[in-house]
Amino acid sequence: MDVLSIVKLEKQKGFLIRLKVLTEEISLLRVEIELFKTSNHPAISDSLFDASIIRASKLVRNSGFTMKSFREYVRQGCPKQFRRELYRIMDDFDKEEVLLAGRIKKLKNRRDRVIVHMDPRYAFHPEREDENRVDLEDLEVICCHLEKQIAFFSGKPLDDR
C-alpha cells in the first residue's frame, strides 16, 4: 500500500518530513544495537546500550514525537474512502504496541530512573535493579516493531519481522 498517495495533499509534506526523521532514528537504533552486540569494550558497550534504550523509548513513549503520534497524524490525513483498509493495519500496530507495553515500560523506567535522571530511589539500590532491567531482547523486539511500521509507511510490503 502506498500510504503517501492516500494521505491528503495538504498533509503529504508533513508526512514525508516525519517519515524521514523516524526512518533515520530507527536506522540509528538498529546500528546502535548491532554495534553493541559486537563491541568488546565495556565502556563502549554500556554507552551503546544506554543510547539504544534512550532512542527506543523516545520513539515509542515520549512527550514529543513518537511512532504512535505519527500513526495519528496519518489517521487525521486519511480521506474517508481509504480509512477502512488503512485503519485496520494501523489498529494492528496499536494492538502490537499494547502487547509490548511491559517492554516499553521497562525501557522508560530504565531511561528515566537510571540513565537520564539517576533517581536516587532507584539508581543506587541494587535490590531494585530488577525493576530497571532492560535486556537486549527487549530492544530487539521494539526495534523490529518500529522497523515493520517504517517499512509499511515507506511503501514496502509487510513481512514477519
C-alpha atoms as a PDB file:
ATOM      1  CA  MET A   1       0.000   0.000   0.000  1.00  0.00           C
ATOM      2  CA  ASP A   2       1.342   3.404  -0.971  1.00  0.00           C
ATOM      3  CA  VAL A   3       0.381   5.442   2.098  1.00  0.00           C
ATOM      4  CA  LEU A   4       1.758   8.688   0.672  1.00  0.00           C
ATOM      5  CA  SER A   5      -0.707   8.561  -2.209  1.00  0.00           C
ATOM      6  CA  ILE A   6      -3.564   8.051   0.264  1.00  0.00           C
ATOM      7  CA  VAL A   7      -2.678  10.933   2.586  1.00  0.00           C
ATOM      8  CA  LYS A   8      -4.451  14.218   1.865  1.00  0.00           C
ATOM      9  CA  LEU A   9      -2.434  16.561  -0.326  1.00  0.00           C
ATOM     10  CA  GLU A  10      -2.028  19.196   2.399  1.00  0.00           C
ATOM     11  CA  LYS A  11      -0.581  16.549   4.773  1.00  0.00           C
ATOM     12  CA  GLN A  12       1.868  14.932   2.344  1.00  0.00           C
ATOM     13  CA  LYS A  13       4.822  17.252   3.031  1.00  0.00           C
ATOM     14  CA  GLY A  14       4.423  16.766   6.788  1.00  0.00           C
ATOM     15  CA  PHE A  15       4.104  13.025   6.238  1.00  0.00           C
ATOM     16  CA  LEU A  16       7.369  12.887   4.288  1.00  0.00           C
ATOM     17  CA  ILE A  17       9.285  15.002   6.806  1.00  0.00           C
ATOM     18  CA  ARG A  18       8.056  12.936   9.752  1.00  0.00           C
ATOM     19  CA  LEU A  19       8.710   9.672   7.912  1.00  0.00           C
ATOM     20  CA  LYS A  20      12.261  10.751   7.110  1.00  0.00           C
ATOM     21  CA  VAL A  21      13.024  11.638  10.746  1.00  0.00           C
ATOM     22  CA  LEU A  22      11.563   8.382  12.045  1.00  0.00           C
ATOM     23  CA  THR A  23      13.363   6.345   9.401  1.00  0.00           C
ATOM     24  CA  GLU A  24      16.699   7.907  10.374  1.00  0.00           C
ATOM     25  CA  GLU A  25      16.069   7.445  14.099  1.00  0.00           C
ATOM     26  CA  ILE A  26      15.076   3.803  13.704  1.00  0.00           C
ATOM     27  CA  SER A  27      18.055   3.177  11.444  1.00  0.00           C
ATOM     28  CA  LEU A  28      20.339   4.675  14.101  1.00  0.00           C
ATOM     29  CA  LEU A  29      18.685   2.484  16.730  1.00  0.00           C
ATOM     30  CA  ARG A  30      19.423  -0.613  14.656  1.00  0.00           C
ATOM     31  CA  VAL A  31      23.053   0.485  14.194  1.00  0.00           C
ATOM     32  CA  GLU A  32      23.457   1.072  17.943  1.00  0.00           C
ATOM     33  CA  ILE A  33      22.046  -2.368  18.714  1.00  0.00           C
ATOM     34  CA  GLU A  34      24.302  -4.082  16.182  1.00  0.00           C
ATOM     35  CA  LEU A  35      27.379  -2.188  17.399  1.00  0.00           C
ATOM     36  CA  PHE A  36      26.514  -3.105  20.982  1.00  0.00           C
ATOM     37  CA  LYS A  37      26.398  -6.785  20.022  1.00  0.00           C
ATOM     38  CA  THR A  38      29.877  -6.644  18.502  1.00  0.00           C
ATOM     39  CA  SER A  39      31.589  -4.315  20.971  1.00  0.00           C
ATOM     40  CA  ASN A  40      34.255  -5.795  23.225  1.00  0.00           C
ATOM     41  CA  HIS A  41      34.978  -2.711  25.302  1.00  0.00           C
ATOM     42  CA  PRO A  42      32.799  -2.383  28.440  1.00  0.00           C
ATOM     43  CA  ALA A  43      32.583   1.422  28.381  1.00  0.00           C
ATOM     44  CA  ILE A  44      31.594   1.465  24.719  1.00  0.00           C
ATOM     45  CA  SER A  45      29.111  -1.372  25.214  1.00  0.00           C
ATOM     46  CA  ASP A  46      27.495   0.368  28.171  1.00  0.00           C
ATOM     47  CA  SER A  47      27.251   3.641  26.263  1.00  0.00           C
ATOM     48  CA  LEU A  48      25.745   1.972  23.201  1.00  0.00           C
ATOM     49  CA  PHE A  49      23.236   0.073  25.315  1.00  0.00           C
ATOM     50  CA  ASP A  50      22.186   3.223  27.180  1.00  0.00           C
ATOM     51  CA  ALA A  51      21.941   5.176  23.923  1.00  0.00           C
ATOM     52  CA  SER A  52      19.763   2.406  22.453  1.00  0.00           C
ATOM     53  CA  ILE A  53      17.453   2.474  25.450  1.00  0.00           C
ATOM     54  CA  ILE A  54      17.106   6.256  25.245  1.00  0.00           C
ATOM     55  CA  ARG A  55      16.463   6.214  21.489  1.00  0.00           C
ATOM     56  CA  ALA A  56      13.998   3.299  21.600  1.00  0.00           C
ATOM     57  CA  SER A  57      11.993   4.732  24.482  1.00  0.00           C
ATOM     58  CA  LYS A  58      11.918   8.118  22.777  1.00  0.00           C
ATOM     59  CA  LEU A  59      10.442   6.504  19.659  1.00  0.00           C
ATOM     60  CA  VAL A  60       7.690   4.607  21.455  1.00  0.00           C
ATOM     61  CA  ARG A  61       6.856   6.624  24.562  1.00  0.00           C
ATOM     62  CA  ASN A  62       7.835  10.238  24.819  1.00  0.00           C
ATOM     63  CA  SER A  63       6.155  13.544  25.443  1.00  0.00           C
ATOM     64  CA  GLY A  64       7.141  14.635  21.942  1.00  0.00           C
ATOM     65  CA  PHE A  65       7.067  12.940  18.560  1.00  0.00           C
ATOM     66  CA  THR A  66       6.704   9.143  18.562  1.00  0.00           C
ATOM     67  CA  MET A  67       5.694   6.443  16.127  1.00  0.00           C
ATOM     68  CA  LYS A  68       2.252   6.478  17.734  1.00  0.00           C
ATOM     69  CA  SER A  69       1.863  10.213  17.108  1.00  0.00           C
ATOM     70  CA  PHE A  70       2.943   9.604  13.507  1.00  0.00           C
ATOM     71  CA  ARG A  71       0.213   6.995  13.107  1.00  0.00           C
ATOM     72  CA  GLU A  72      -2.271   9.523  14.492  1.00  0.00           C
ATOM     73  CA  TYR A  73      -1.020  12.137  12.014  1.00  0.00           C
ATOM     74  CA  VAL A  74      -1.639   9.665   9.186  1.00  0.00           C
ATOM     75  CA  ARG A  75      -5.110   8.837  10.528  1.00  0.00           C
ATOM     76  CA  GLN A  76      -6.013  12.524  10.535  1.00  0.00           C
ATOM     77  CA  GLY A  77      -4.729  12.923   6.998  1.00  0.00           C
ATOM     78  CA  CYS A  78      -6.540   9.953   5.513  1.00  0.00           C
ATOM     79  CA  PRO A  79      -9.633  10.580   3.348  1.00  0.00           C
ATOM     80  CA  LYS A  80     -12.739   8.579   4.267  1.00  0.00           C
ATOM     81  CA  GLN A  81     -12.634   6.268   1.266  1.00  0.00           C
ATOM     82  CA  PHE A  82      -9.262   4.809   2.361  1.00  0.00           C
ATOM     83  CA  ARG A  83      -9.850   4.623   6.097  1.00  0.00           C
ATOM     84  CA  ARG A  84     -11.151   1.085   6.375  1.00  0.00           C
ATOM     85  CA  GLU A  85      -8.061  -0.657   4.996  1.00  0.00           C
ATOM     86  CA  LEU A  86      -5.505   1.785   6.385  1.00  0.00           C
ATOM     87  CA  TYR A  87      -7.068   1.934   9.849  1.00  0.00           C
ATOM     88  CA  ARG A  88      -7.138  -1.863  10.037  1.00  0.00           C
ATOM     89  CA  ILE A  89      -3.374  -2.012   9.541  1.00  0.00           C
ATOM     90  CA  MET A  90      -2.699   0.850  11.944  1.00  0.00           C
ATOM     91  CA  ASP A  91      -5.012  -0.725  14.519  1.00  0.00           C
ATOM     92  CA  ASP A  92      -2.850  -3.847  14.271  1.00  0.00           C
ATOM     93  CA  PHE A  93       0.205  -1.705  15.054  1.00  0.00           C
ATOM     94  CA  ASP A  94      -1.672  -0.210  18.020  1.00  0.00           C
ATOM     95  CA  LYS A  95      -2.541  -3.703  19.284  1.00  0.00           C
ATOM     96  CA  GLU A  96       1.055  -4.864  18.898  1.00  0.00           C
ATOM     97  CA  GLU A  97       2.197  -1.843  20.891  1.00  0.00           C
ATOM     98  CA  VAL A  98      -0.250  -2.727  23.659  1.00  0.00           C
ATOM     99  CA  LEU A  99       1.274  -6.223  23.757  1.00  0.00           C
ATOM    100  CA  LEU A 100       4.708  -4.608  24.058  1.00  0.00           C
ATOM    101  CA  ALA A 101       3.603  -2.354  26.939  1.00  0.00           C
ATOM    102  CA  GLY A 102       5.659  -4.279  29.503  1.00  0.00           C
ATOM    103  CA  ARG A 103       8.844  -3.981  27.448  1.00  0.00           C
ATOM    104  CA  ILE A 104       8.127  -0.328  26.697  1.00  0.00           C
ATOM    105  CA  LYS A 105       7.635   0.382  30.395  1.00  0.00           C
ATOM    106  CA  LYS A 106      10.946  -1.306  31.180  1.00  0.00           C
ATOM    107  CA  LEU A 107      12.704   0.941  28.653  1.00  0.00           C
ATOM    108  CA  LYS A 108      11.062   4.051  30.018  1.00  0.00           C
ATOM    109  CA  ASN A 109      11.844   3.112  33.620  1.00  0.00           C
ATOM    110  CA  ARG A 110      15.492   2.426  32.817  1.00  0.00           C
ATOM    111  CA  ARG A 111      15.815   5.635  30.839  1.00  0.00           C
ATOM    112  CA  ASP A 112      14.118   7.846  33.419  1.00  0.00           C
ATOM    113  CA  ARG A 113      15.239   6.262  36.669  1.00  0.00           C
ATOM    114  CA  VAL A 114      18.814   5.261  35.928  1.00  0.00           C
ATOM    115  CA  ILE A 115      20.228   6.742  32.724  1.00  0.00           C
ATOM    116  CA  VAL A 116      18.757  10.227  32.464  1.00  0.00           C
ATOM    117  CA  HIS A 117      17.702  11.311  35.941  1.00  0.00           C
ATOM    118  CA  MET A 118      19.628   8.899  38.169  1.00  0.00           C
ATOM    119  CA  ASP A 119      16.670   8.857  40.534  1.00  0.00           C
ATOM    120  CA  PRO A 120      18.198   8.089  43.958  1.00  0.00           C
ATOM    121  CA  ARG A 121      15.188   5.939  44.870  1.00  0.00           C
ATOM    122  CA  TYR A 122      16.120   3.506  42.092  1.00  0.00           C
ATOM    123  CA  ALA A 123      19.564   4.138  40.612  1.00  0.00           C
ATOM    124  CA  PHE A 124      21.592   3.460  43.742  1.00  0.00           C
ATOM    125  CA  HIS A 125      19.736   0.478  45.150  1.00  0.00           C
ATOM    126  CA  PRO A 126      20.931  -2.874  43.777  1.00  0.00           C
ATOM    127  CA  GLU A 127      17.875  -4.584  45.262  1.00  0.00           C
ATOM    128  CA  ARG A 128      15.715  -2.547  42.855  1.00  0.00           C
ATOM    129  CA  GLU A 129      17.801  -3.438  39.804  1.00  0.00           C
ATOM    130  CA  ASP A 130      15.165  -5.859  38.509  1.00  0.00           C
ATOM    131  CA  GLU A 131      12.651  -3.006  38.298  1.00  0.00           C
ATOM    132  CA  ASN A 132      15.036  -1.175  35.974  1.00  0.00           C
ATOM    133  CA  ARG A 133      16.485  -4.059  33.944  1.00  0.00           C
ATOM    134  CA  VAL A 134      16.313  -3.996  30.165  1.00  0.00           C
ATOM    135  CA  ASP A 135      17.575  -6.909  28.111  1.00  0.00           C
ATOM    136  CA  LEU A 136      18.909  -6.891  24.577  1.00  0.00           C
ATOM    137  CA  GLU A 137      15.856  -8.914  23.579  1.00  0.00           C
ATOM    138  CA  ASP A 138      13.596  -6.049  24.739  1.00  0.00           C
ATOM    139  CA  LEU A 139      15.457  -3.640  22.467  1.00  0.00           C
ATOM    140  CA  GLU A 140      15.432  -6.077  19.537  1.00  0.00           C
ATOM    141  CA  VAL A 141      11.680  -6.694  19.768  1.00  0.00           C
ATOM    142  CA  ILE A 142      10.855  -2.997  19.974  1.00  0.00           C
ATOM    143  CA  CYS A 143      13.236  -2.154  17.141  1.00  0.00           C
ATOM    144  CA  CYS A 144      11.604  -4.803  14.933  1.00  0.00           C
ATOM    145  CA  HIS A 145       8.181  -3.388  15.805  1.00  0.00           C
ATOM    146  CA  LEU A 146       9.356   0.070  14.712  1.00  0.00           C
ATOM    147  CA  GLU A 147      11.089  -1.217  11.569  1.00  0.00           C
ATOM    148  CA  LYS A 148       7.922  -3.023  10.495  1.00  0.00           C
ATOM    149  CA  GLN A 149       5.955   0.223  10.721  1.00  0.00           C
ATOM    150  CA  ILE A 150       8.571   2.242   8.844  1.00  0.00           C
ATOM    151  CA  ALA A 151       8.586  -0.379   6.100  1.00  0.00           C
ATOM    152  CA  PHE A 152       4.795  -0.107   5.808  1.00  0.00           C
ATOM    153  CA  PHE A 153       4.707   3.692   5.752  1.00  0.00           C
ATOM    154  CA  SER A 154       7.574   3.717   3.236  1.00  0.00           C
ATOM    155  CA  GLY A 155       5.536   1.565   0.879  1.00  0.00           C
ATOM    156  CA  LYS A 156       7.425  -1.678   1.375  1.00  0.00           C
ATOM    157  CA  PRO A 157       5.482  -4.915   1.806  1.00  0.00           C
ATOM    158  CA  LEU A 158       4.955  -6.045   5.399  1.00  0.00           C
ATOM    159  CA  ASP A 159       6.851  -9.160   6.357  1.00  0.00           C
ATOM    160  CA  ASP A 160       7.031 -11.149   9.585  1.00  0.00           C
ATOM    161  CA  ARG A 161       9.957  -9.352  11.213  1.00  0.00           C
END
